[in-house]
Amino acid sequence: MINVGLYYRIKHGHETEFESKFKEVKDYLSKGKGFKTAKLYKETENPNEYMIYSEWDNTESFMDFVRSDAFHSVTSSAKDIVEGQPRHRIFYESENQGH
């Protein structure tokens, strides 16, 4: 299993729109292969910064989503509300926890 952090800065006044898009994408993903769960977090000191934390079976499942028409459709429609370039990080569970 992998965990992915997707980081976004949203233009002021578009926070509700972004949160709505997140719900749509999460609903779409819940019907697909390899997706486990996702949560949306809002930065405490800068409320227009968000992190989407998601869990996937493996990197391939996540990358299949990133290459999908659905992902490109959402990112294209969100270009007007996102400031700068979104970024992501993929995390793997360490097999040597506590060592």
PDB file of N, CA and C in Angstrom:
ATOM      1  N   MET A   1       0.843  -1.181   0.000  1.00  0.00           N
ATOM      2  CA  MET A   1       0.000   0.000   0.000  1.00  0.00           C
ATOM      3  C   MET A   1       0.884   1.240   0.000  1.00  0.00           C
ATOM      4  N   ILE A   2       0.387   2.296  -0.651  1.00  0.00           N
ATOM      5  CA  ILE A   2       1.082   3.588  -0.655  1.00  0.00           C
ATOM      6  C   ILE A   2       0.115   4.668  -0.191  1.00  0.00           C
ATOM      7  N   ASN A   3       0.692   5.774   0.252  1.00  0.00           N
ATOM      8  CA  ASN A   3      -0.068   6.963   0.637  1.00  0.00           C
ATOM      9  C   ASN A   3       0.427   8.112  -0.227  1.00  0.00           C
ATOM     10  N   VAL A   4      -0.504   8.945  -0.658  1.00  0.00           N
ATOM     11  CA  VAL A   4      -0.147  10.061  -1.527  1.00  0.00           C
ATOM     12  C   VAL A   4      -0.658  11.344  -0.903  1.00  0.00           C
ATOM     13  N   GLY A   5       0.207  12.333  -0.839  1.00  0.00           N
ATOM     14  CA  GLY A   5      -0.173  13.673  -0.416  1.00  0.00           C
ATOM     15  C   GLY A   5      -0.183  14.577  -1.634  1.00  0.00           C
ATOM     16  N   LEU A   6      -1.318  15.152  -1.955  1.00  0.00           N
ATOM     17  CA  LEU A   6      -1.456  16.106  -3.057  1.00  0.00           C
ATOM     18  C   LEU A   6      -1.665  17.482  -2.441  1.00  0.00           C
ATOM     19  N   TYR A   7      -0.829  18.434  -2.809  1.00  0.00           N
ATOM     20  CA  TYR A   7      -0.835  19.754  -2.180  1.00  0.00           C
ATOM     21  C   TYR A   7      -1.289  20.821  -3.179  1.00  0.00           C
ATOM     22  N   TYR A   8      -2.271  21.621  -2.759  1.00  0.00           N
ATOM     23  CA  TYR A   8      -2.857  22.644  -3.622  1.00  0.00           C
ATOM     24  C   TYR A   8      -2.963  23.973  -2.882  1.00  0.00           C
ATOM     25  N   ARG A   9      -2.767  25.047  -3.617  1.00  0.00           N
ATOM     26  CA  ARG A   9      -3.077  26.402  -3.132  1.00  0.00           C
ATOM     27  C   ARG A   9      -4.214  26.905  -4.024  1.00  0.00           C
ATOM     28  N   ILE A  10      -5.331  27.268  -3.389  1.00  0.00           N
ATOM     29  CA  ILE A  10      -6.538  27.652  -4.104  1.00  0.00           C
ATOM     30  C   ILE A  10      -6.720  29.169  -4.044  1.00  0.00           C
ATOM     31  N   LYS A  11      -7.130  29.741  -5.156  1.00  0.00           N
ATOM     32  CA  LYS A  11      -7.372  31.181  -5.197  1.00  0.00           C
ATOM     33  C   LYS A  11      -8.484  31.546  -4.222  1.00  0.00           C
ATOM     34  N   HIS A  12      -8.300  32.681  -3.556  1.00  0.00           N
ATOM     35  CA  HIS A  12      -9.272  33.161  -2.570  1.00  0.00           C
ATOM     36  C   HIS A  12     -10.672  33.219  -3.195  1.00  0.00           C
ATOM     37  N   GLY A  13     -11.639  32.715  -2.438  1.00  0.00           N
ATOM     38  CA  GLY A  13     -13.017  32.723  -2.890  1.00  0.00           C
ATOM     39  C   GLY A  13     -13.453  31.462  -3.619  1.00  0.00           C
ATOM     40  N   HIS A  14     -12.513  30.552  -3.883  1.00  0.00           N
ATOM     41  CA  HIS A  14     -12.831  29.326  -4.619  1.00  0.00           C
ATOM     42  C   HIS A  14     -12.706  28.072  -3.755  1.00  0.00           C
ATOM     43  N   GLU A  15     -12.598  28.262  -2.440  1.00  0.00           N
ATOM     44  CA  GLU A  15     -12.411  27.126  -1.545  1.00  0.00           C
ATOM     45  C   GLU A  15     -13.593  26.151  -1.601  1.00  0.00           C
ATOM     46  N   THR A  16     -14.796  26.661  -1.588  1.00  0.00           N
ATOM     47  CA  THR A  16     -15.984  25.796  -1.622  1.00  0.00           C
ATOM     48  C   THR A  16     -16.039  25.002  -2.924  1.00  0.00           C
ATOM     49  N   GLU A  17     -15.697  25.646  -4.016  1.00  0.00           N
ATOM     50  CA  GLU A  17     -15.673  24.973  -5.321  1.00  0.00           C
ATOM     51  C   GLU A  17     -14.653  23.829  -5.317  1.00  0.00           C
ATOM     52  N   PHE A  18     -13.465  24.088  -4.767  1.00  0.00           N
ATOM     53  CA  PHE A  18     -12.433  23.058  -4.691  1.00  0.00           C
ATOM     54  C   PHE A  18     -12.904  21.890  -3.829  1.00  0.00           C
ATOM     55  N   GLU A  19     -13.499  22.190  -2.691  1.00  0.00           N
ATOM     56  CA  GLU A  19     -13.980  21.136  -1.798  1.00  0.00           C
ATOM     57  C   GLU A  19     -15.068  20.300  -2.470  1.00  0.00           C
ATOM     58  N   SER A  20     -15.895  20.932  -3.259  1.00  0.00           N
ATOM     59  CA  SER A  20     -16.933  20.216  -3.999  1.00  0.00           C
ATOM     60  C   SER A  20     -16.317  19.292  -5.050  1.00  0.00           C
ATOM     61  N   LYS A  21     -15.303  19.781  -5.767  1.00  0.00           N
ATOM     62  CA  LYS A  21     -14.607  18.964  -6.773  1.00  0.00           C
ATOM     63  C   LYS A  21     -13.958  17.752  -6.114  1.00  0.00           C
ATOM     64  N   PHE A  22     -13.379  17.960  -4.931  1.00  0.00           N
ATOM     65  CA  PHE A  22     -12.771  16.843  -4.208  1.00  0.00           C
ATOM     66  C   PHE A  22     -13.801  15.742  -3.955  1.00  0.00           C
ATOM     67  N   LYS A  23     -14.983  16.125  -3.502  1.00  0.00           N
ATOM     68  CA  LYS A  23     -16.036  15.137  -3.223  1.00  0.00           C
ATOM     69  C   LYS A  23     -16.423  14.375  -4.485  1.00  0.00           C
ATOM     70  N   GLU A  24     -16.522  15.082  -5.609  1.00  0.00           N
ATOM     71  CA  GLU A  24     -16.856  14.424  -6.876  1.00  0.00           C
ATOM     72  C   GLU A  24     -15.791  13.397  -7.263  1.00  0.00           C
ATOM     73  N   VAL A  25     -14.538  13.792  -7.153  1.00  0.00           N
ATOM     74  CA  VAL A  25     -13.447  12.895  -7.522  1.00  0.00           C
ATOM     75  C   VAL A  25     -13.387  11.700  -6.575  1.00  0.00           C
ATOM     76  N   LYS A  26     -13.572  11.938  -5.308  1.00  0.00           N
ATOM     77  CA  LYS A  26     -13.554  10.838  -4.333  1.00  0.00           C
ATOM     78  C   LYS A  26     -14.668   9.835  -4.641  1.00  0.00           C
ATOM     79  N   ASP A  27     -15.851  10.321  -4.959  1.00  0.00           N
ATOM     80  CA  ASP A  27     -16.958   9.431  -5.332  1.00  0.00           C
ATOM     81  C   ASP A  27     -16.604   8.611  -6.570  1.00  0.00           C
ATOM     82  N   TYR A  28     -15.996   9.264  -7.555  1.00  0.00           N
ATOM     83  CA  TYR A  28     -15.578   8.573  -8.778  1.00  0.00           C
ATOM     84  C   TYR A  28     -14.543   7.484  -8.446  1.00  0.00           C
ATOM     85  N   LEU A  29     -13.554   7.842  -7.635  1.00  0.00           N
ATOM     86  CA  LEU A  29     -12.484   6.901  -7.303  1.00  0.00           C
ATOM     87  C   LEU A  29     -12.984   5.692  -6.522  1.00  0.00           C
ATOM     88  N   SER A  30     -13.997   5.890  -5.708  1.00  0.00           N
ATOM     89  CA  SER A  30     -14.492   4.794  -4.879  1.00  0.00           C
ATOM     90  C   SER A  30     -15.047   3.646  -5.719  1.00  0.00           C
ATOM     91  N   LYS A  31     -15.301   3.893  -6.989  1.00  0.00           N
ATOM     92  CA  LYS A  31     -15.806   2.864  -7.890  1.00  0.00           C
ATOM     93  C   LYS A  31     -14.700   2.186  -8.682  1.00  0.00           C
ATOM     94  N   GLY A  32     -13.469   2.680  -8.539  1.00  0.00           N
ATOM     95  CA  GLY A  32     -12.366   2.172  -9.342  1.00  0.00           C
ATOM     96  C   GLY A  32     -11.482   1.169  -8.618  1.00  0.00           C
ATOM     97  N   LYS A  33     -10.491   0.675  -9.346  1.00  0.00           N
ATOM     98  CA  LYS A  33      -9.553  -0.298  -8.799  1.00  0.00           C
ATOM     99  C   LYS A  33      -8.380   0.400  -8.118  1.00  0.00           C
ATOM    100  N   GLY A  34      -7.938  -0.170  -7.025  1.00  0.00           N
ATOM    101  CA  GLY A  34      -6.710   0.264  -6.390  1.00  0.00           C
ATOM    102  C   GLY A  34      -6.837   1.401  -5.401  1.00  0.00           C
ATOM    103  N   PHE A  35      -7.951   2.108  -5.413  1.00  0.00           N
ATOM    104  CA  PHE A  35      -8.154   3.237  -4.504  1.00  0.00           C
ATOM    105  C   PHE A  35      -8.745   2.726  -3.192  1.00  0.00           C
ATOM    106  N   LYS A  36      -8.187   3.204  -2.072  1.00  0.00           N
ATOM    107  CA  LYS A  36      -8.685   2.815  -0.751  1.00  0.00           C
ATOM    108  C   LYS A  36      -9.529   3.915  -0.118  1.00  0.00           C
ATOM    109  N   THR A  37      -8.950   5.082   0.077  1.00  0.00           N
ATOM    110  CA  THR A  37      -9.649   6.184   0.735  1.00  0.00           C
ATOM    111  C   THR A  37      -8.920   7.497   0.463  1.00  0.00           C
ATOM    112  N   ALA A  38      -9.606   8.604   0.743  1.00  0.00           N
ATOM    113  CA  ALA A  38      -8.998   9.933   0.625  1.00  0.00           C
ATOM    114  C   ALA A  38      -9.661  10.869   1.613  1.00  0.00           C
ATOM    115  N   LYS A  39      -8.865  11.788   2.119  1.00  0.00           N
ATOM    116  CA  LYS A  39      -9.361  12.818   3.030  1.00  0.00           C
ATOM    117  C   LYS A  39      -8.801  14.159   2.588  1.00  0.00           C
ATOM    118  N   LEU A  40      -9.594  15.198   2.811  1.00  0.00           N
ATOM    119  CA  LEU A  40      -9.180  16.547   2.456  1.00  0.00           C
ATOM    120  C   LEU A  40      -8.851  17.311   3.723  1.00  0.00           C
ATOM    121  N   TYR A  41      -7.667  17.920   3.754  1.00  0.00           N
ATOM    122  CA  TYR A  41      -7.229  18.714   4.901  1.00  0.00           C
ATOM    123  C   TYR A  41      -6.990  20.142   4.452  1.00  0.00           C
ATOM    124  N   LYS A  42      -7.375  21.077   5.333  1.00  0.00           N
ATOM    125  CA  LYS A  42      -7.182  22.505   5.074  1.00  0.00           C
ATOM    126  C   LYS A  42      -6.116  23.018   6.038  1.00  0.00           C
ATOM    127  N   GLU A  43      -5.170  23.770   5.517  1.00  0.00           N
ATOM    128  CA  GLU A  43      -4.091  24.367   6.317  1.00  0.00           C
ATOM    129  C   GLU A  43      -4.688  25.283   7.377  1.00  0.00           C
ATOM    130  N   THR A  44      -4.200  25.201   8.603  1.00  0.00           N
ATOM    131  CA  THR A  44      -4.773  25.984   9.704  1.00  0.00           C
ATOM    132  C   THR A  44      -4.419  27.471   9.624  1.00  0.00           C
ATOM    133  N   GLU A  45      -3.206  27.784   9.210  1.00  0.00           N
ATOM    134  CA  GLU A  45      -2.786  29.186   9.172  1.00  0.00           C
ATOM    135  C   GLU A  45      -3.022  29.848   7.819  1.00  0.00           C
ATOM    136  N   ASN A  46      -3.218  29.053   6.802  1.00  0.00           N
ATOM    137  CA  ASN A  46      -3.451  29.586   5.463  1.00  0.00           C
ATOM    138  C   ASN A  46      -4.600  28.784   4.847  1.00  0.00           C
ATOM    139  N   PRO A  47      -5.848  29.194   5.082  1.00  0.00           N
ATOM    140  CA  PRO A  47      -6.999  28.366   4.719  1.00  0.00           C
ATOM    141  C   PRO A  47      -7.228  28.163   3.223  1.00  0.00           C
ATOM    142  N   ASN A  48      -6.391  28.732   2.364  1.00  0.00           N
ATOM    143  CA  ASN A  48      -6.542  28.424   0.949  1.00  0.00           C
ATOM    144  C   ASN A  48      -5.520  27.378   0.491  1.00  0.00           C
ATOM    145  N   GLU A  49      -4.831  26.763   1.442  1.00  0.00           N
ATOM    146  CA  GLU A  49      -3.916  25.662   1.129  1.00  0.00           C
ATOM    147  C   GLU A  49      -4.513  24.358   1.623  1.00  0.00           C
ATOM    148  N   TYR A  50      -4.475  23.364   0.756  1.00  0.00           N
ATOM    149  CA  TYR A  50      -5.084  22.067   1.033  1.00  0.00           C
ATOM    150  C   TYR A  50      -4.105  20.932   0.790  1.00  0.00           C
ATOM    151  N   MET A  51      -4.353  19.823   1.472  1.00  0.00           N
ATOM    152  CA  MET A  51      -3.680  18.575   1.178  1.00  0.00           C
ATOM    153  C   MET A  51      -4.753  17.505   1.038  1.00  0.00           C
ATOM    154  N   ILE A  52      -4.673  16.758  -0.035  1.00  0.00           N
ATOM    155  CA  ILE A  52      -5.507  15.571  -0.185  1.00  0.00           C
ATOM    156  C   ILE A  52      -4.610  14.387   0.159  1.00  0.00           C
ATOM    157  N   TYR A  53      -5.023  13.651   1.179  1.00  0.00           N
ATOM    158  CA  TYR A  53      -4.285  12.468   1.610  1.00  0.00           C
ATOM    159  C   TYR A  53      -5.057  11.254   1.103  1.00  0.00           C
ATOM    160  N   SER A  54      -4.415  10.416   0.310  1.00  0.00           N
ATOM    161  CA  SER A  54      -5.110   9.260  -0.229  1.00  0.00           C
ATOM    162  C   SER A  54      -4.283   7.997  -0.040  1.00  0.00           C
ATOM    163  N   GLU A  55      -4.991   6.873   0.007  1.00  0.00           N
ATOM    164  CA  GLU A  55      -4.359   5.557   0.136  1.00  0.00           C
ATOM    165  C   GLU A  55      -4.712   4.732  -1.094  1.00  0.00           C
ATOM    166  N   TRP A  56      -3.708   4.030  -1.601  1.00  0.00           N
ATOM    167  CA  TRP A  56      -3.838   3.229  -2.809  1.00  0.00           C
ATOM    168  C   TRP A  56      -3.205   1.858  -2.583  1.00  0.00           C
ATOM    169  N   ASP A  57      -3.647   0.888  -3.376  1.00  0.00           N
ATOM    170  CA  ASP A  57      -3.047  -0.447  -3.303  1.00  0.00           C
ATOM    171  C   ASP A  57      -1.567  -0.404  -3.648  1.00  0.00           C
ATOM    172  N   ASN A  58      -1.230   0.399  -4.668  1.00  0.00           N
ATOM    173  CA  ASN A  58       0.157   0.459  -5.138  1.00  0.00           C
ATOM    174  C   ASN A  58       0.345   1.699  -6.014  1.00  0.00           C
ATOM    175  N   THR A  59       1.579   1.960  -6.365  1.00  0.00           N
ATOM    176  CA  THR A  59       1.909   3.127  -7.189  1.00  0.00           C
ATOM    177  C   THR A  59       1.231   3.043  -8.547  1.00  0.00           C
ATOM    178  N   GLU A  60       1.184   1.866  -9.117  1.00  0.00           N
ATOM    179  CA  GLU A  60       0.571   1.690 -10.435  1.00  0.00           C
ATOM    180  C   GLU A  60      -0.894   2.140 -10.439  1.00  0.00           C
ATOM    181  N   SER A  61      -1.645   1.798  -9.398  1.00  0.00           N
ATOM    182  CA  SER A  61      -3.047   2.223  -9.307  1.00  0.00           C
ATOM    183  C   SER A  61      -3.160   3.739  -9.287  1.00  0.00           C
ATOM    184  N   PHE A  62      -2.311   4.393  -8.503  1.00  0.00           N
ATOM    185  CA  PHE A  62      -2.328   5.850  -8.442  1.00  0.00           C
ATOM    186  C   PHE A  62      -1.957   6.455  -9.792  1.00  0.00           C
ATOM    187  N   MET A  63      -0.903   5.939 -10.410  1.00  0.00           N
ATOM    188  CA  MET A  63      -0.458   6.483 -11.691  1.00  0.00           C
ATOM    189  C   MET A  63      -1.496   6.237 -12.790  1.00  0.00           C
ATOM    190  N   ASP A  64      -2.205   5.116 -12.739  1.00  0.00           N
ATOM    191  CA  ASP A  64      -3.290   4.878 -13.694  1.00  0.00           C
ATOM    192  C   ASP A  64      -4.345   5.967 -13.569  1.00  0.00           C
ATOM    193  N   PHE A  65      -4.668   6.352 -12.334  1.00  0.00           N
ATOM    194  CA  PHE A  65      -5.624   7.435 -12.126  1.00  0.00           C
ATOM    195  C   PHE A  65      -5.085   8.751 -12.680  1.00  0.00           C
ATOM    196  N   VAL A  66      -3.828   9.061 -12.397  1.00  0.00           N
ATOM    197  CA  VAL A  66      -3.228  10.316 -12.867  1.00  0.00           C
ATOM    198  C   VAL A  66      -3.232  10.389 -14.393  1.00  0.00           C
ATOM    199  N   ARG A  67      -3.117   9.252 -15.052  1.00  0.00           N
ATOM    200  CA  ARG A  67      -3.123   9.221 -16.522  1.00  0.00           C
ATOM    201  C   ARG A  67      -4.541   9.143 -17.108  1.00  0.00           C
ATOM    202  N   SER A  68      -5.549   9.019 -16.269  1.00  0.00           N
ATOM    203  CA  SER A  68      -6.918   8.810 -16.754  1.00  0.00           C
ATOM    204  C   SER A  68      -7.547  10.084 -17.299  1.00  0.00           C
ATOM    205  N   ASP A  69      -8.561   9.893 -18.151  1.00  0.00           N
ATOM    206  CA  ASP A  69      -9.331  11.026 -18.681  1.00  0.00           C
ATOM    207  C   ASP A  69     -10.034  11.773 -17.552  1.00  0.00           C
ATOM    208  N   ALA A  70     -10.505  11.034 -16.548  1.00  0.00           N
ATOM    209  CA  ALA A  70     -11.210  11.672 -15.422  1.00  0.00           C
ATOM    210  C   ALA A  70     -10.281  12.634 -14.681  1.00  0.00           C
ATOM    211  N   PHE A  71      -9.050  12.229 -14.434  1.00  0.00           N
ATOM    212  CA  PHE A  71      -8.093  13.096 -13.747  1.00  0.00           C
ATOM    213  C   PHE A  71      -7.817  14.344 -14.587  1.00  0.00           C
ATOM    214  N   HIS A  72      -7.610  14.165 -15.879  1.00  0.00           N
ATOM    215  CA  HIS A  72      -7.312  15.304 -16.743  1.00  0.00           C
ATOM    216  C   HIS A  72      -8.512  16.240 -16.872  1.00  0.00           C
ATOM    217  N   SER A  73      -9.703  15.685 -16.843  1.00  0.00           N
ATOM    218  CA  SER A  73     -10.897  16.509 -16.882  1.00  0.00           C
ATOM    219  C   SER A  73     -11.002  17.393 -15.640  1.00  0.00           C
ATOM    220  N   VAL A  74     -10.762  16.789 -14.468  1.00  0.00           N
ATOM    221  CA  VAL A  74     -10.840  17.542 -13.214  1.00  0.00           C
ATOM    222  C   VAL A  74      -9.735  18.596 -13.148  1.00  0.00           C
ATOM    223  N   THR A  75      -8.517  18.222 -13.492  1.00  0.00           N
ATOM    224  CA  THR A  75      -7.423  19.187 -13.397  1.00  0.00           C
ATOM    225  C   THR A  75      -7.584  20.315 -14.406  1.00  0.00           C
ATOM    226  N   SER A  76      -8.138  20.013 -15.577  1.00  0.00           N
ATOM    227  CA  SER A  76      -8.380  21.074 -16.567  1.00  0.00           C
ATOM    228  C   SER A  76      -9.418  22.060 -16.066  1.00  0.00           C
ATOM    229  N   SER A  77     -10.480  21.545 -15.465  1.00  0.00           N
ATOM    230  CA  SER A  77     -11.538  22.439 -14.983  1.00  0.00           C
ATOM    231  C   SER A  77     -11.104  23.220 -13.753  1.00  0.00           C
ATOM    232  N   ALA A  78     -10.104  22.728 -13.038  1.00  0.00           N
ATOM    233  CA  ALA A  78      -9.654  23.400 -11.815  1.00  0.00           C
ATOM    234  C   ALA A  78      -8.521  24.391 -12.062  1.00  0.00           C
ATOM    235  N   LYS A  79      -8.005  24.465 -13.264  1.00  0.00           N
ATOM    236  CA  LYS A  79      -6.873  25.358 -13.547  1.00  0.00           C
ATOM    237  C   LYS A  79      -7.151  26.807 -13.171  1.00  0.00           C
ATOM    238  N   ASP A  80      -8.390  27.226 -13.306  1.00  0.00           N
ATOM    239  CA  ASP A  80      -8.728  28.621 -13.017  1.00  0.00           C
ATOM    240  C   ASP A  80      -8.806  28.932 -11.530  1.00  0.00           C
ATOM    241  N   ILE A  81      -8.869  27.908 -10.678  1.00  0.00           N
ATOM    242  CA  ILE A  81      -8.995  28.163  -9.237  1.00  0.00           C
ATOM    243  C   ILE A  81      -7.732  27.793  -8.455  1.00  0.00           C
ATOM    244  N   VAL A  82      -6.775  27.123  -9.096  1.00  0.00           N
ATOM    245  CA  VAL A  82      -5.545  26.709  -8.430  1.00  0.00           C
ATOM    246  C   VAL A  82      -4.453  27.731  -8.707  1.00  0.00           C
ATOM    247  N   GLU A  83      -3.750  28.118  -7.646  1.00  0.00           N
ATOM    248  CA  GLU A  83      -2.601  29.014  -7.786  1.00  0.00           C
ATOM    249  C   GLU A  83      -1.335  28.169  -7.891  1.00  0.00           C
ATOM    250  N   GLY A  84      -0.509  28.470  -8.846  1.00  0.00           N
ATOM    251  CA  GLY A  84       0.755  27.757  -8.980  1.00  0.00           C
ATOM    252  C   GLY A  84       0.564  26.320  -9.424  1.00  0.00           C
ATOM    253  N   GLN A  85       1.644  25.583  -9.326  1.00  0.00           N
ATOM    254  CA  GLN A  85       1.660  24.182  -9.745  1.00  0.00           C
ATOM    255  C   GLN A  85       1.393  23.277  -8.554  1.00  0.00           C
ATOM    256  N   PRO A  86       0.326  22.464  -8.608  1.00  0.00           N
ATOM    257  CA  PRO A  86       0.115  21.495  -7.525  1.00  0.00           C
ATOM    258  C   PRO A  86       1.293  20.513  -7.482  1.00  0.00           C
ATOM    259  N   ARG A  87       1.511  19.935  -6.336  1.00  0.00           N
ATOM    260  CA  ARG A  87       2.597  18.954  -6.210  1.00  0.00           C
ATOM    261  C   ARG A  87       2.083  17.749  -5.439  1.00  0.00           C
ATOM    262  N   HIS A  88       2.787  16.652  -5.587  1.00  0.00           N
ATOM    263  CA  HIS A  88       2.406  15.464  -4.836  1.00  0.00           C
ATOM    264  C   HIS A  88       3.648  14.729  -4.353  1.00  0.00           C
ATOM    265  N   ARG A  89       3.438  13.961  -3.312  1.00  0.00           N
ATOM    266  CA  ARG A  89       4.488  13.097  -2.766  1.00  0.00           C
ATOM    267  C   ARG A  89       3.878  11.747  -2.488  1.00  0.00           C
ATOM    268  N   ILE A  90       4.633  10.712  -2.809  1.00  0.00           N
ATOM    269  CA  ILE A  90       4.194   9.343  -2.560  1.00  0.00           C
ATOM    270  C   ILE A  90       4.995   8.784  -1.397  1.00  0.00           C
ATOM    271  N   PHE A  91       4.289   8.202  -0.446  1.00  0.00           N
ATOM    272  CA  PHE A  91       4.910   7.635   0.742  1.00  0.00           C
ATOM    273  C   PHE A  91       4.637   6.133   0.800  1.00  0.00           C
ATOM    274  N   TYR A  92       5.661   5.389   1.139  1.00  0.00           N
ATOM    275  CA  TYR A  92       5.531   3.954   1.341  1.00  0.00           C
ATOM    276  C   TYR A  92       5.662   3.670   2.825  1.00  0.00           C
ATOM    277  N   GLU A  93       4.940   2.692   3.292  1.00  0.00           N
ATOM    278  CA  GLU A  93       5.055   2.299   4.688  1.00  0.00           C
ATOM    279  C   GLU A  93       6.415   1.652   4.911  1.00  0.00           C
ATOM    280  N   SER A  94       7.127   2.124   5.886  1.00  0.00           N
ATOM    281  CA  SER A  94       8.448   1.585   6.196  1.00  0.00           C
ATOM    282  C   SER A  94       8.313   0.194   6.821  1.00  0.00           C
ATOM    283  N   GLU A  95       9.068  -0.740   6.325  1.00  0.00           N
ATOM    284  CA  GLU A  95       9.042  -2.100   6.879  1.00  0.00           C
ATOM    285  C   GLU A  95       9.837  -2.184   8.174  1.00  0.00           C
ATOM    286  N   ASN A  96      10.629  -1.163   8.433  1.00  0.00           N
ATOM    287  CA  ASN A  96      11.491  -1.176   9.629  1.00  0.00           C
ATOM    288  C   ASN A  96      10.999  -0.187  10.664  1.00  0.00           C
ATOM    289  N   GLN A  97       9.712  -0.107  10.882  1.00  0.00           N
ATOM    290  CA  GLN A  97       9.174   0.821  11.856  1.00  0.00           C
ATOM    291  C   GLN A  97       9.734   0.518  13.240  1.00  0.00           C
ATOM    292  N   GLY A  98      10.153   1.576  13.921  1.00  0.00           N
ATOM    293  CA  GLY A  98      10.655   1.447  15.272  1.00  0.00           C
ATOM    294  C   GLY A  98      12.095   0.967  15.380  1.00  0.00           C
ATOM    295  N   HIS A  99      12.775   0.803  14.249  1.00  0.00           N
ATOM    296  CA  HIS A  99      14.177   0.365  14.289  1.00  0.00           C
ATOM    297  C   HIS A  99      15.103   1.452  13.874  1.00  0.00           C
TER     298      HIS A  99
END
